[in-house]
Structures are given as structure tokens and as C-alpha cells.
Amino acid sequence: MSHKILILDDDSDILFFCTYVFENMGFEVTSSTHCNDIIAQVESADPDMVLIDNWIPDIGGVKATQQLKASEHLKEIPVILFSANSNLSELAEEAGADDYLRKPFDLDELEDLALKHVKTSR
């Protein structure tokens, strides 16, 4: 059974790169350039993990993550916040994210993080 990941970023280059990496790892990838209706997007994608950019329109990664973590049936899904913000660890904590990844990141960091969280999820 392949794992599913939902990637939310308004930067098409990042989406392309991440999609390529995860598909090569055998993931089923769903991506979106906004986090509107975040609950509906996650329900529809049914991912094992969510990767979300802090600066995504409209409400941003922190608020979108808070909404997911406040949702009884979605809060167990690991959410990883990624951003170039220098205070990313504080943002991730405020969001209730399970982890964070600093941009720019390299391939190994991305793969390691994904494997770590997929192993621990459902």
C-alpha cells in the first residue's frame, strides 16, 4: 500500500520538486497552491502526511495547521510546516505542527523527514 502525502505551497517549483521526490519514493501525491477549505482538502486527499508552506494563501500555514489539529478526525495526521522564516521552530510550535523543515532544504532532509513521519503515522 502506498503512502499518500498532501503538499500545500503556492510556489510551483517547490510543488514540482516535492512531487517528483515523493513520487520517486512511491508516494501518491496530491498538491494544492492554497489552503482554503483546508479541512475539505485533507478529507478529500486522505493523506498520511501533510507538508504545508507557512506563506501559503490565504490564511497561511500556521492557521491552516491549527484548524487541522483542532479537528477531531484529522488531528492525528502528521503536519510538517516548511518555510524560510528564521523563527520557524516557534511558528511550528504555535501551529501545533508535528515537525518543520527550513527552506531551502535538500533532498535528503525531505526524504528523512517524510520517512520518519510516515513510519509513525497510522
N, C-alpha and C. Protein backbone atom coordinates (compact mmCIF):
# COMPACT_ATOMS: atom_id res chain seq x y z
N MET A 1 0.83 -1.19 0.00
CA MET A 1 0.00 0.00 0.00
C MET A 1 0.87 1.25 0.00
N SER A 2 0.62 2.14 -0.91
CA SER A 2 1.47 3.33 -0.98
C SER A 2 0.95 4.39 -0.02
N HIS A 3 1.87 5.17 0.49
CA HIS A 3 1.51 6.26 1.38
C HIS A 3 1.08 7.46 0.57
N LYS A 4 0.22 8.28 1.18
CA LYS A 4 -0.26 9.47 0.48
C LYS A 4 0.23 10.71 1.21
N ILE A 5 0.57 11.71 0.42
CA ILE A 5 1.00 12.97 1.01
C ILE A 5 0.27 14.12 0.32
N LEU A 6 -0.08 15.12 1.10
CA LEU A 6 -0.69 16.33 0.57
C LEU A 6 0.33 17.45 0.74
N ILE A 7 0.67 18.11 -0.36
CA ILE A 7 1.66 19.20 -0.32
C ILE A 7 0.96 20.51 -0.67
N LEU A 8 1.09 21.48 0.23
CA LEU A 8 0.44 22.78 0.02
C LEU A 8 1.51 23.87 -0.06
N ASP A 9 1.67 24.42 -1.25
CA ASP A 9 2.65 25.51 -1.44
C ASP A 9 2.25 26.29 -2.67
N ASP A 10 2.35 27.61 -2.61
CA ASP A 10 1.97 28.40 -3.78
C ASP A 10 3.13 28.59 -4.75
N ASP A 11 4.27 27.98 -4.46
CA ASP A 11 5.43 28.05 -5.35
C ASP A 11 5.44 26.80 -6.22
N SER A 12 5.18 26.98 -7.52
CA SER A 12 5.04 25.81 -8.39
C SER A 12 6.35 25.03 -8.53
N ASP A 13 7.50 25.70 -8.41
CA ASP A 13 8.78 24.98 -8.47
C ASP A 13 8.92 24.02 -7.30
N ILE A 14 8.55 24.49 -6.13
CA ILE A 14 8.63 23.63 -4.94
C ILE A 14 7.65 22.46 -5.07
N LEU A 15 6.45 22.75 -5.53
CA LEU A 15 5.47 21.68 -5.71
C LEU A 15 6.00 20.64 -6.69
N PHE A 16 6.59 21.10 -7.78
CA PHE A 16 7.12 20.21 -8.79
C PHE A 16 8.23 19.34 -8.20
N PHE A 17 9.15 19.99 -7.49
CA PHE A 17 10.28 19.28 -6.88
C PHE A 17 9.80 18.24 -5.86
N CYS A 18 8.93 18.69 -4.95
CA CYS A 18 8.44 17.79 -3.90
C CYS A 18 7.64 16.63 -4.50
N THR A 19 6.81 16.92 -5.49
CA THR A 19 6.01 15.88 -6.13
C THR A 19 6.92 14.84 -6.75
N TYR A 20 7.94 15.32 -7.44
CA TYR A 20 8.91 14.43 -8.09
C TYR A 20 9.60 13.53 -7.05
N VAL A 21 10.07 14.15 -5.97
CA VAL A 21 10.77 13.40 -4.92
C VAL A 21 9.86 12.33 -4.32
N PHE A 22 8.63 12.74 -3.94
CA PHE A 22 7.74 11.80 -3.26
C PHE A 22 7.22 10.71 -4.19
N GLU A 23 6.97 11.05 -5.45
CA GLU A 23 6.54 10.01 -6.38
C GLU A 23 7.65 8.98 -6.58
N ASN A 24 8.89 9.44 -6.61
CA ASN A 24 10.03 8.53 -6.72
C ASN A 24 10.15 7.62 -5.50
N MET A 25 9.68 8.13 -4.35
CA MET A 25 9.71 7.33 -3.12
C MET A 25 8.50 6.39 -3.05
N GLY A 26 7.62 6.48 -4.04
CA GLY A 26 6.46 5.60 -4.06
C GLY A 26 5.22 6.19 -3.41
N PHE A 27 5.25 7.48 -3.12
CA PHE A 27 4.08 8.14 -2.53
C PHE A 27 3.05 8.48 -3.60
N GLU A 28 1.81 8.56 -3.17
CA GLU A 28 0.76 9.11 -4.00
C GLU A 28 0.66 10.58 -3.58
N VAL A 29 0.85 11.50 -4.52
CA VAL A 29 0.94 12.92 -4.17
C VAL A 29 -0.29 13.71 -4.61
N THR A 30 -0.83 14.49 -3.69
CA THR A 30 -1.86 15.48 -4.02
C THR A 30 -1.25 16.82 -3.67
N SER A 31 -1.44 17.83 -4.53
CA SER A 31 -0.87 19.13 -4.17
C SER A 31 -1.89 20.23 -4.42
N SER A 32 -1.66 21.35 -3.75
CA SER A 32 -2.55 22.48 -3.86
C SER A 32 -1.75 23.76 -3.67
N THR A 33 -2.19 24.84 -4.30
CA THR A 33 -1.48 26.11 -4.20
C THR A 33 -2.11 27.06 -3.18
N HIS A 34 -3.10 26.58 -2.45
CA HIS A 34 -3.73 27.42 -1.42
C HIS A 34 -4.20 26.50 -0.28
N CYS A 35 -4.54 27.12 0.85
CA CYS A 35 -5.02 26.30 1.97
C CYS A 35 -6.46 26.66 2.33
N ASN A 36 -7.19 27.23 1.38
CA ASN A 36 -8.62 27.48 1.62
C ASN A 36 -9.31 26.13 1.80
N ASP A 37 -10.34 26.08 2.62
CA ASP A 37 -11.04 24.82 2.88
C ASP A 37 -10.07 23.70 3.24
N ILE A 38 -9.15 24.00 4.12
CA ILE A 38 -8.10 23.04 4.46
C ILE A 38 -8.68 21.70 4.93
N ILE A 39 -9.75 21.76 5.72
CA ILE A 39 -10.36 20.52 6.22
C ILE A 39 -10.87 19.67 5.05
N ALA A 40 -11.59 20.31 4.14
CA ALA A 40 -12.12 19.59 2.97
C ALA A 40 -10.99 19.04 2.10
N GLN A 41 -9.92 19.82 1.93
CA GLN A 41 -8.79 19.35 1.11
C GLN A 41 -8.17 18.11 1.73
N VAL A 42 -7.99 18.12 3.03
CA VAL A 42 -7.35 16.97 3.69
C VAL A 42 -8.29 15.77 3.68
N GLU A 43 -9.57 16.00 3.92
CA GLU A 43 -10.52 14.89 3.87
C GLU A 43 -10.53 14.24 2.49
N SER A 44 -10.48 15.06 1.47
CA SER A 44 -10.53 14.56 0.10
C SER A 44 -9.25 13.82 -0.28
N ALA A 45 -8.09 14.33 0.14
CA ALA A 45 -6.80 13.69 -0.21
C ALA A 45 -6.52 12.47 0.68
N ASP A 46 -7.10 12.46 1.90
CA ASP A 46 -6.88 11.39 2.87
C ASP A 46 -5.40 11.03 3.01
N PRO A 47 -4.54 12.03 3.30
CA PRO A 47 -3.10 11.77 3.30
C PRO A 47 -2.59 11.13 4.59
N ASP A 48 -1.39 10.53 4.50
CA ASP A 48 -0.71 10.01 5.69
C ASP A 48 0.15 11.11 6.29
N MET A 49 0.30 12.20 5.54
CA MET A 49 1.16 13.29 5.98
C MET A 49 0.82 14.54 5.19
N VAL A 50 0.94 15.70 5.84
CA VAL A 50 0.68 16.97 5.16
C VAL A 50 1.93 17.84 5.27
N LEU A 51 2.36 18.37 4.15
CA LEU A 51 3.50 19.28 4.11
C LEU A 51 2.93 20.63 3.72
N ILE A 52 3.10 21.64 4.58
CA ILE A 52 2.44 22.92 4.30
C ILE A 52 3.41 24.09 4.45
N ASP A 53 3.36 24.97 3.46
CA ASP A 53 4.21 26.16 3.46
C ASP A 53 3.62 27.21 4.40
N ASN A 54 4.46 27.88 5.15
CA ASN A 54 3.97 28.89 6.08
C ASN A 54 3.28 30.06 5.38
N TRP A 55 3.75 30.40 4.16
CA TRP A 55 3.26 31.61 3.49
C TRP A 55 2.17 31.33 2.48
N ILE A 56 1.52 30.19 2.58
CA ILE A 56 0.51 29.83 1.58
C ILE A 56 -0.74 30.70 1.72
N PRO A 57 -1.33 31.13 0.59
CA PRO A 57 -2.59 31.89 0.67
C PRO A 57 -3.74 30.96 1.06
N ASP A 58 -4.82 31.36 1.66
CA ASP A 58 -4.97 32.74 2.08
C ASP A 58 -4.62 32.91 3.55
N ILE A 59 -4.94 31.91 4.36
CA ILE A 59 -4.79 32.10 5.81
C ILE A 59 -3.40 31.76 6.33
N GLY A 60 -2.58 31.11 5.51
CA GLY A 60 -1.22 30.77 5.95
C GLY A 60 -1.13 29.43 6.65
N GLY A 61 0.08 28.92 6.70
CA GLY A 61 0.34 27.58 7.23
C GLY A 61 0.02 27.39 8.70
N VAL A 62 0.30 28.42 9.50
CA VAL A 62 0.07 28.29 10.94
C VAL A 62 -1.42 28.11 11.23
N LYS A 63 -2.24 29.00 10.68
CA LYS A 63 -3.69 28.91 10.92
C LYS A 63 -4.28 27.63 10.33
N ALA A 64 -3.83 27.26 9.14
CA ALA A 64 -4.34 26.05 8.50
C ALA A 64 -4.00 24.82 9.35
N THR A 65 -2.78 24.79 9.88
CA THR A 65 -2.36 23.67 10.74
C THR A 65 -3.20 23.65 12.02
N GLN A 66 -3.43 24.83 12.60
CA GLN A 66 -4.26 24.90 13.81
C GLN A 66 -5.66 24.33 13.55
N GLN A 67 -6.21 24.64 12.39
CA GLN A 67 -7.54 24.12 12.05
C GLN A 67 -7.52 22.59 11.96
N LEU A 68 -6.47 22.06 11.34
CA LEU A 68 -6.36 20.59 11.22
C LEU A 68 -6.22 19.95 12.60
N LYS A 69 -5.37 20.54 13.42
CA LYS A 69 -5.10 19.97 14.74
C LYS A 69 -6.30 20.11 15.67
N ALA A 70 -7.21 21.04 15.35
CA ALA A 70 -8.42 21.21 16.17
C ALA A 70 -9.52 20.25 15.72
N SER A 71 -9.28 19.58 14.60
CA SER A 71 -10.29 18.69 14.06
C SER A 71 -10.10 17.28 14.61
N GLU A 72 -11.12 16.79 15.28
CA GLU A 72 -11.05 15.51 15.99
C GLU A 72 -10.59 14.37 15.07
N HIS A 73 -11.10 14.32 13.85
CA HIS A 73 -10.79 13.17 13.00
C HIS A 73 -9.55 13.37 12.10
N LEU A 74 -8.94 14.55 12.15
CA LEU A 74 -7.76 14.77 11.31
C LEU A 74 -6.50 15.08 12.12
N LYS A 75 -6.67 15.30 13.42
CA LYS A 75 -5.54 15.81 14.20
C LYS A 75 -4.36 14.83 14.33
N GLU A 76 -4.61 13.54 14.05
CA GLU A 76 -3.51 12.56 14.16
C GLU A 76 -2.60 12.56 12.94
N ILE A 77 -3.01 13.19 11.86
CA ILE A 77 -2.19 13.21 10.65
C ILE A 77 -0.99 14.14 10.87
N PRO A 78 0.23 13.63 10.67
CA PRO A 78 1.40 14.48 10.88
C PRO A 78 1.41 15.66 9.90
N VAL A 79 1.66 16.85 10.45
CA VAL A 79 1.75 18.05 9.62
C VAL A 79 3.15 18.62 9.76
N ILE A 80 3.79 18.88 8.63
CA ILE A 80 5.12 19.47 8.62
C ILE A 80 5.03 20.84 7.99
N LEU A 81 5.47 21.84 8.75
CA LEU A 81 5.45 23.22 8.28
C LEU A 81 6.79 23.51 7.63
N PHE A 82 6.79 24.07 6.43
CA PHE A 82 8.09 24.43 5.88
C PHE A 82 8.11 25.87 5.42
N SER A 83 9.28 26.51 5.61
CA SER A 83 9.36 27.94 5.38
C SER A 83 10.81 28.40 5.48
N ALA A 84 11.06 29.60 4.96
CA ALA A 84 12.38 30.21 5.10
C ALA A 84 12.44 31.11 6.33
N ASN A 85 11.34 31.21 7.07
CA ASN A 85 11.32 32.06 8.28
C ASN A 85 12.42 31.66 9.25
N SER A 86 13.05 32.66 9.86
CA SER A 86 14.10 32.34 10.82
C SER A 86 13.51 31.81 12.12
N ASN A 87 12.26 32.18 12.42
CA ASN A 87 11.64 31.72 13.67
C ASN A 87 10.72 30.53 13.41
N LEU A 88 11.13 29.68 12.47
CA LEU A 88 10.27 28.58 12.05
C LEU A 88 9.92 27.62 13.19
N SER A 89 10.85 27.37 14.11
CA SER A 89 10.54 26.44 15.20
C SER A 89 9.43 27.00 16.09
N GLU A 90 9.44 28.32 16.33
CA GLU A 90 8.36 28.94 17.13
C GLU A 90 7.04 28.86 16.37
N LEU A 91 7.09 29.13 15.07
CA LEU A 91 5.87 29.08 14.26
C LEU A 91 5.27 27.68 14.27
N ALA A 92 6.13 26.69 14.12
CA ALA A 92 5.67 25.30 14.10
C ALA A 92 5.03 24.93 15.43
N GLU A 93 5.63 25.42 16.51
CA GLU A 93 5.09 25.14 17.84
C GLU A 93 3.73 25.82 18.02
N GLU A 94 3.65 27.07 17.59
CA GLU A 94 2.39 27.83 17.68
C GLU A 94 1.30 27.13 16.85
N ALA A 95 1.70 26.59 15.71
CA ALA A 95 0.74 25.94 14.81
C ALA A 95 0.29 24.58 15.34
N GLY A 96 1.14 23.98 16.19
CA GLY A 96 0.86 22.62 16.63
C GLY A 96 1.33 21.60 15.60
N ALA A 97 2.25 22.03 14.71
CA ALA A 97 2.78 21.13 13.68
C ALA A 97 3.62 20.03 14.34
N ASP A 98 3.71 18.89 13.67
CA ASP A 98 4.49 17.78 14.21
C ASP A 98 5.98 17.95 13.97
N ASP A 99 6.31 18.76 12.98
CA ASP A 99 7.71 18.97 12.65
C ASP A 99 7.82 20.18 11.73
N TYR A 100 9.04 20.55 11.41
CA TYR A 100 9.22 21.66 10.48
C TYR A 100 10.46 21.42 9.65
N LEU A 101 10.52 22.09 8.53
CA LEU A 101 11.62 21.94 7.59
C LEU A 101 11.95 23.33 7.06
N ARG A 102 13.21 23.69 7.21
CA ARG A 102 13.63 25.02 6.79
C ARG A 102 13.90 25.06 5.29
N LYS A 103 13.41 26.09 4.61
CA LYS A 103 13.76 26.28 3.20
C LYS A 103 15.01 27.15 3.14
N PRO A 104 15.92 26.94 2.19
CA PRO A 104 15.89 25.83 1.23
C PRO A 104 16.32 24.53 1.91
N PHE A 105 15.67 23.45 1.53
CA PHE A 105 16.04 22.15 2.12
C PHE A 105 16.64 21.29 1.02
N ASP A 106 17.35 20.24 1.42
CA ASP A 106 17.86 19.37 0.38
C ASP A 106 17.07 18.06 0.35
N LEU A 107 17.33 17.31 -0.65
CA LEU A 107 16.63 16.07 -0.92
C LEU A 107 16.64 15.12 0.27
N ASP A 108 17.81 14.96 0.87
CA ASP A 108 17.94 14.01 1.98
C ASP A 108 17.08 14.42 3.17
N GLU A 109 17.09 15.72 3.47
CA GLU A 109 16.29 16.21 4.59
C GLU A 109 14.81 15.91 4.36
N LEU A 110 14.37 16.17 3.14
CA LEU A 110 12.97 15.96 2.78
C LEU A 110 12.61 14.48 2.92
N GLU A 111 13.43 13.61 2.37
CA GLU A 111 13.17 12.16 2.42
C GLU A 111 13.19 11.64 3.85
N ASP A 112 14.19 12.07 4.62
CA ASP A 112 14.31 11.59 6.01
C ASP A 112 13.09 11.97 6.82
N LEU A 113 12.67 13.22 6.67
CA LEU A 113 11.52 13.72 7.41
C LEU A 113 10.26 12.94 7.04
N ALA A 114 10.09 12.73 5.76
CA ALA A 114 8.90 12.00 5.28
C ALA A 114 8.88 10.59 5.84
N LEU A 115 10.00 9.90 5.76
CA LEU A 115 10.05 8.51 6.23
C LEU A 115 9.83 8.43 7.73
N LYS A 116 10.39 9.38 8.45
CA LYS A 116 10.23 9.41 9.90
C LYS A 116 8.75 9.51 10.28
N HIS A 117 8.01 10.39 9.61
CA HIS A 117 6.62 10.63 9.98
C HIS A 117 5.66 9.58 9.43
N VAL A 118 5.99 9.03 8.29
CA VAL A 118 5.11 8.02 7.72
C VAL A 118 5.18 6.74 8.54
N LYS A 119 6.37 6.44 9.06
CA LYS A 119 6.53 5.26 9.91
C LYS A 119 5.67 5.36 11.18
N THR A 120 5.59 6.59 11.70
CA THR A 120 4.89 6.75 12.97
C THR A 120 3.38 6.95 12.79
N SER A 121 2.93 7.28 11.57
CA SER A 121 1.50 7.53 11.41
C SER A 121 0.75 6.23 11.12
N ARG A 122 -0.51 6.24 11.44
CA ARG A 122 -1.40 5.07 11.38
C ARG A 122 -0.75 3.78 10.92
